[in-house]
């Protein structure tokens, strides 16, 4: 139930591939973008500009200036702390990214059955329909691995085929060589060259959500929801979505969680990177807000 309107949130059924691709691109925030911290400043702009916030902000330009200064001070202090925490942990743990994991393991072979070809304890586990050993039978004309007939004994993965030559086309999903697996990103938008654990997106986003919830006095967006609609042609990595799709968040935490999970859909992080980043972001977001209030009251040393 929407606590502001008293009405039920209407369910929206969408194609999973459209949903996953829109998530991956909307929250990507890579080169030539506002970046993840900037994205949360854009969200904060929208929240402050909502007519439903007028009663909290107060009348006149002085009230608006005070509101904005306090909000951006607290928000960006938390985002700065999130960067320090996340990148400090990245340098401590030096963890691997999906593209390195998958390609390394695929190059070693399969780790499921010592009696099958290409067995290696450091290989990928075989999962029917997802990770398979290429055989003469499976790569025969008309069979699922036919395009990989020159790679008998190697590992095939059913995944995204990579960037289409024409961005108006759709690469879609199919069988590819495991050692050539790529994340759902532009060819020029590569996996970052720094460790994965913890996810910066998750840490930034949860920290921002904690501050916005505390500052506005509610975990809910103004009006109880915030939406973004994407029409066919929005996607840049390949054509899509196939039909209009709306992302909807009731709370700041919903948006933050989705930002973190978008990096899993995009193939840039694993769940451990995301969940740990959320927990750390929550802790430091609350602490940043507590410190900001001391500055506001004049008691900070």
Protein backbone atom coordinates (compact mmCIF):
# COMPACT_ATOMS: atom_id res chain seq x y z
CA UNK A 1 0.00 0.00 0.00
CA UNK A 2 1.21 3.51 -0.81
CA UNK A 3 1.27 5.22 2.62
CA UNK A 4 0.76 8.64 1.05
CA UNK A 5 -2.21 7.90 -1.22
CA UNK A 6 -3.63 4.93 0.65
CA UNK A 7 -3.88 3.07 -2.67
CA UNK A 8 -2.34 -0.24 -3.67
CA UNK A 9 0.77 -0.21 -5.81
CA UNK A 10 -0.24 -1.65 -9.17
CA UNK A 11 1.89 -4.61 -10.32
CA UNK A 12 3.67 -4.31 -13.64
CA UNK A 13 4.60 -7.46 -15.53
CA UNK A 14 7.48 -6.99 -17.94
CA UNK A 15 9.85 -9.17 -19.92
CA UNK A 16 12.83 -10.13 -17.78
CA UNK A 17 15.31 -9.37 -20.56
CA UNK A 18 13.89 -5.85 -20.98
CA UNK A 19 13.95 -5.30 -17.22
CA UNK A 20 17.51 -6.56 -16.79
CA UNK A 21 18.88 -4.56 -19.72
CA UNK A 22 17.18 -1.33 -18.68
CA UNK A 23 18.48 -1.77 -15.13
CA UNK A 24 22.01 -2.36 -16.38
CA UNK A 25 22.03 0.74 -18.59
CA UNK A 26 20.04 3.17 -16.42
CA UNK A 27 22.25 2.64 -13.37
CA UNK A 28 25.54 2.09 -15.26
CA UNK A 29 26.88 5.65 -14.75
CA UNK A 30 30.17 5.06 -16.45
CA UNK A 31 32.30 7.41 -18.61
CA UNK A 32 30.53 10.51 -19.92
CA UNK A 33 27.84 10.30 -17.23
CA UNK A 34 27.12 11.93 -13.88
CA UNK A 35 28.71 8.87 -12.15
CA UNK A 36 27.00 6.95 -9.29
CA UNK A 37 27.39 9.75 -6.68
CA UNK A 38 26.18 12.29 -9.24
CA UNK A 39 23.19 10.10 -10.05
CA UNK A 40 22.09 10.35 -6.42
CA UNK A 41 22.48 14.12 -6.56
CA UNK A 42 20.17 14.10 -9.59
CA UNK A 43 17.65 12.04 -7.60
CA UNK A 44 17.99 14.50 -4.71
CA UNK A 45 17.33 17.37 -7.13
CA UNK A 46 14.09 15.72 -8.23
CA UNK A 47 13.01 15.08 -4.64
CA UNK A 48 13.64 18.69 -3.62
CA UNK A 49 11.82 20.01 -6.69
CA UNK A 50 8.69 17.99 -5.91
CA UNK A 51 5.74 20.24 -4.92
CA UNK A 52 5.02 17.69 -2.20
CA UNK A 53 8.21 18.79 -0.39
CA UNK A 54 7.20 22.46 -0.21
CA UNK A 55 5.81 22.23 3.31
CA UNK A 56 9.08 20.78 4.64
CA UNK A 57 11.32 23.17 2.73
CA UNK A 58 9.43 26.28 3.81
CA UNK A 59 8.49 29.50 1.99
CA UNK A 60 10.85 31.88 0.22
CA UNK A 61 14.25 31.65 -1.41
CA UNK A 62 16.08 31.75 1.92
CA UNK A 63 14.31 28.59 3.07
CA UNK A 64 15.07 26.90 -0.24
CA UNK A 65 18.73 27.88 -0.10
CA UNK A 66 19.04 26.59 3.46
CA UNK A 67 17.33 23.32 2.52
CA UNK A 68 19.60 22.72 -0.47
CA UNK A 69 22.82 23.62 1.34
CA UNK A 70 22.03 21.30 4.22
CA UNK A 71 20.90 18.48 1.94
CA UNK A 72 23.90 18.56 -0.39
CA UNK A 73 26.30 18.91 2.52
CA UNK A 74 24.95 15.79 4.23
CA UNK A 75 24.41 13.81 1.04
CA UNK A 76 27.82 14.41 -0.47
CA UNK A 77 29.58 13.95 2.84
CA UNK A 78 28.05 10.47 2.97
CA UNK A 79 28.93 9.77 -0.66
CA UNK A 80 32.51 10.86 -0.04
CA UNK A 81 32.71 8.52 2.96
CA UNK A 82 31.26 5.75 0.80
CA UNK A 83 34.05 6.22 -1.73
CA UNK A 84 36.73 6.06 0.97
CA UNK A 85 35.23 2.93 2.54
CA UNK A 86 34.58 1.07 -0.72
CA UNK A 87 37.92 1.80 -2.36
CA UNK A 88 39.80 1.12 0.85
CA UNK A 89 38.24 -2.34 0.91
CA UNK A 90 38.97 -2.88 -2.78
CA UNK A 91 42.65 -2.32 -2.14
CA UNK A 92 42.60 -4.54 0.94
CA UNK A 93 40.93 -7.56 -0.67
CA UNK A 94 41.96 -7.22 -4.35
CA UNK A 95 39.01 -9.37 -5.43
CA UNK A 96 38.34 -10.58 -8.97
CA UNK A 97 35.58 -9.47 -11.37
CA UNK A 98 33.16 -11.76 -13.28
CA UNK A 99 34.94 -11.36 -16.62
CA UNK A 100 38.22 -12.56 -15.10
CA UNK A 101 36.57 -15.37 -13.11
CA UNK A 102 34.54 -16.76 -15.99
CA UNK A 103 37.26 -16.56 -18.63
CA UNK A 104 39.92 -18.02 -16.33
CA UNK A 105 37.76 -20.96 -15.31
CA UNK A 106 36.50 -21.57 -18.85
CA UNK A 107 40.07 -21.69 -20.14
CA UNK A 108 40.80 -24.41 -17.58
CA UNK A 109 37.82 -26.53 -18.63
CA UNK A 110 35.09 -28.17 -16.56
CA UNK A 111 35.24 -29.14 -12.89
CA UNK A 112 32.16 -31.37 -12.68
CA UNK A 113 33.25 -34.79 -13.94
CA UNK A 114 36.82 -36.19 -13.97
CA UNK A 115 35.69 -38.79 -16.49
CA UNK A 116 34.76 -36.18 -19.10
CA UNK A 117 37.22 -34.29 -21.35
CA UNK A 118 38.82 -31.03 -20.22
CA UNK A 119 38.52 -31.80 -16.50
CA UNK A 120 40.27 -29.35 -14.20
CA UNK A 121 39.43 -28.59 -10.55
CA UNK A 122 39.70 -24.89 -11.42
CA UNK A 123 37.30 -25.15 -14.35
CA UNK A 124 33.64 -24.14 -14.57
CA UNK A 125 30.95 -26.46 -13.22
CA UNK A 126 28.77 -27.93 -15.94
CA UNK A 127 25.13 -26.75 -15.79
CA UNK A 128 22.86 -28.14 -18.52
CA UNK A 129 21.47 -25.36 -20.67
CA UNK A 130 23.92 -22.80 -19.30
CA UNK A 131 27.50 -24.16 -19.14
CA UNK A 132 28.25 -27.18 -21.32
CA UNK A 133 31.12 -29.14 -22.81
CA UNK A 134 31.31 -28.85 -26.60
CA UNK A 135 31.22 -32.31 -28.19
CA UNK A 136 31.13 -33.64 -31.74
CA UNK A 137 27.47 -34.45 -31.23
CA UNK A 138 26.48 -31.09 -29.72
CA UNK A 139 28.35 -29.18 -32.45
CA UNK A 140 27.02 -31.15 -35.41
CA UNK A 141 25.09 -29.18 -38.04
CA UNK A 142 21.76 -28.05 -36.67
CA UNK A 143 22.74 -28.74 -33.05
CA UNK A 144 23.00 -26.13 -30.27
CA UNK A 145 26.80 -25.75 -30.48
CA UNK A 146 27.02 -25.88 -34.29
CA UNK A 147 28.64 -22.44 -34.47
CA UNK A 148 31.40 -23.70 -32.15
CA UNK A 149 32.26 -26.86 -34.12
CA UNK A 150 35.96 -25.92 -34.21
CA UNK A 151 36.13 -25.95 -30.39
CA UNK A 152 35.24 -29.52 -29.43
CA UNK A 153 36.40 -30.20 -25.88
CA UNK A 154 36.12 -26.57 -24.83
CA UNK A 155 33.48 -24.88 -22.68
CA UNK A 156 30.40 -23.16 -24.09
CA UNK A 157 28.28 -20.70 -22.14
CA UNK A 158 24.75 -19.61 -23.00
CA UNK A 159 24.88 -15.85 -22.55
CA UNK A 160 24.73 -12.47 -24.24
CA UNK A 161 26.45 -12.56 -27.64
CA UNK A 162 28.13 -9.18 -27.23
CA UNK A 163 27.72 -5.82 -28.92
CA UNK A 164 25.96 -5.94 -32.30
CA UNK A 165 27.68 -4.26 -35.24
CA UNK A 166 24.62 -2.04 -35.61
CA UNK A 167 23.26 -0.76 -32.24
CA UNK A 168 19.79 -0.85 -33.79
CA UNK A 169 20.08 -4.65 -33.88
CA UNK A 170 19.76 -7.10 -30.98
CA UNK A 171 22.54 -9.59 -30.26
CA UNK A 172 20.36 -11.59 -27.92
CA UNK A 173 21.42 -14.71 -26.08
CA UNK A 174 23.14 -17.77 -27.50
CA UNK A 175 26.00 -20.23 -27.09
CA UNK A 176 29.45 -18.60 -26.99
CA UNK A 177 32.92 -19.75 -25.99
CA UNK A 178 33.33 -19.42 -22.24
CA UNK A 179 36.74 -17.83 -22.61
CA UNK A 180 35.17 -15.07 -24.74
CA UNK A 181 32.35 -14.20 -22.30
CA UNK A 182 31.60 -10.47 -22.00
CA UNK A 183 29.41 -8.48 -19.60
CA UNK A 184 26.35 -6.59 -20.83
CA UNK A 185 28.17 -3.33 -21.54
CA UNK A 186 29.37 -1.26 -24.49
CA UNK A 187 32.59 -2.49 -26.02
CA UNK A 188 34.17 0.81 -24.93
CA UNK A 189 32.55 0.63 -21.48
CA UNK A 190 34.83 -2.02 -20.05
CA UNK A 191 34.83 -3.69 -16.65
CA UNK A 192 36.63 -1.27 -14.28
CA UNK A 193 40.29 -2.01 -13.77
CA UNK A 194 39.97 -2.04 -9.97
CA UNK A 195 38.80 -4.88 -7.70
CA UNK A 196 35.15 -5.83 -7.36
CA UNK A 197 34.67 -6.20 -3.61
CA UNK A 198 32.86 -4.14 -2.48
CA UNK A 199 30.54 -2.61 -5.08
CA UNK A 200 30.86 1.15 -5.24
CA UNK A 201 27.33 1.39 -6.68
CA UNK A 202 25.88 -0.47 -3.70
CA UNK A 203 27.86 1.48 -1.12
CA UNK A 204 27.18 4.89 -2.65
CA UNK A 205 23.49 4.16 -3.17
CA UNK A 206 22.68 2.84 0.28
CA UNK A 207 24.59 5.69 1.94
CA UNK A 208 22.63 8.19 -0.15
CA UNK A 209 19.34 6.46 0.66
CA UNK A 210 20.02 6.67 4.40
CA UNK A 211 20.71 10.42 4.21
CA UNK A 212 17.72 11.23 1.98
CA UNK A 213 15.39 9.20 4.19
CA UNK A 214 16.65 10.91 7.34
CA UNK A 215 16.70 14.41 5.86
CA UNK A 216 13.25 14.29 4.26
CA UNK A 217 11.73 12.58 7.30
CA UNK A 218 10.51 9.53 5.36
CA UNK A 219 12.01 6.53 3.62
CA UNK A 220 9.39 7.04 0.88
CA UNK A 221 9.81 9.23 -2.15
CA UNK A 222 7.45 12.23 -2.27
CA UNK A 223 3.99 10.90 -3.04
CA UNK A 224 5.10 7.39 -2.11
CA UNK A 225 6.70 6.56 -5.45
CA UNK A 226 9.24 7.63 -8.03
CA UNK A 227 9.10 6.38 -11.61
CA UNK A 228 11.18 6.46 -14.76
CA UNK A 229 9.74 5.26 -18.08
CA UNK A 230 11.86 3.97 -20.97
CA UNK A 231 10.57 3.60 -24.51
CA UNK A 232 11.83 1.31 -27.28
CA UNK A 233 15.15 2.70 -28.49
CA UNK A 234 16.35 3.82 -25.05
CA UNK A 235 19.00 1.12 -24.85
CA UNK A 236 22.38 1.89 -26.37
CA UNK A 237 24.25 -1.43 -25.95
CA UNK A 238 21.74 -3.03 -28.33
CA UNK A 239 18.21 -2.17 -29.43
CA UNK A 240 15.51 -2.20 -26.76
CA UNK A 241 13.49 -2.41 -24.69
CA UNK A 242 11.01 -4.28 -26.86
CA UNK A 243 8.12 -2.28 -25.38
CA UNK A 244 7.77 0.67 -22.97
CA UNK A 245 8.94 -0.18 -19.46
CA UNK A 246 8.66 1.76 -16.20
CA UNK A 247 11.00 1.39 -13.24
CA UNK A 248 9.22 2.27 -10.01
CA UNK A 249 10.50 2.73 -6.48
CA UNK A 250 8.46 3.33 -3.35
CA UNK A 251 11.44 4.12 -1.11
CA UNK A 252 14.97 5.40 -1.42
CA UNK A 253 16.09 1.96 -0.29
CA UNK A 254 14.24 0.33 -3.21
CA UNK A 255 16.17 2.52 -5.64
CA UNK A 256 19.46 1.86 -3.85
CA UNK A 257 18.93 -1.91 -3.90
CA UNK A 258 18.13 -1.77 -7.59
CA UNK A 259 21.27 0.25 -8.31
CA UNK A 260 23.33 -2.46 -6.64
CA UNK A 261 21.60 -5.36 -8.37
CA UNK A 262 21.94 -3.63 -11.74
CA UNK A 263 25.67 -4.32 -11.65
CA UNK A 264 24.98 -8.04 -11.26
CA UNK A 265 22.64 -7.98 -14.26
CA UNK A 266 25.31 -6.07 -16.17
CA UNK A 267 27.97 -8.66 -15.33
CA UNK A 268 30.25 -6.24 -13.47
CA UNK A 269 29.80 -7.57 -9.92
CA UNK A 270 28.83 -10.74 -8.06
CA UNK A 271 26.20 -10.79 -5.27
CA UNK A 272 28.82 -10.73 -2.49
CA UNK A 273 30.09 -7.37 -3.77
CA UNK A 274 26.56 -5.98 -3.76
CA UNK A 275 25.30 -7.17 -0.38
CA UNK A 276 28.44 -6.19 1.52
CA UNK A 277 28.35 -2.77 -0.14
CA UNK A 278 24.74 -2.26 0.95
CA UNK A 279 25.56 -3.07 4.59
CA UNK A 280 28.59 -0.79 4.65
CA UNK A 281 26.70 2.01 2.89
CA UNK A 282 23.89 1.78 5.44
CA UNK A 283 26.26 2.04 8.38
CA UNK A 284 28.30 4.95 7.10
CA UNK A 285 25.23 6.76 5.73
CA UNK A 286 23.71 6.82 9.20
CA UNK A 287 26.99 7.93 10.75
CA UNK A 288 27.45 10.66 8.15
CA UNK A 289 23.96 11.96 8.90
CA UNK A 290 24.68 12.01 12.63
CA UNK A 291 27.83 14.02 12.00
CA UNK A 292 26.07 16.39 9.61
CA UNK A 293 23.48 17.19 12.29
CA UNK A 294 26.28 18.18 14.66
CA UNK A 295 27.55 20.62 12.05
CA UNK A 296 24.03 21.98 11.59
CA UNK A 297 23.68 22.54 15.33
CA UNK A 298 27.14 24.06 15.70
CA UNK A 299 28.39 21.34 18.06
CA UNK A 300 30.88 19.66 15.69
CA UNK A 301 34.48 20.01 16.77
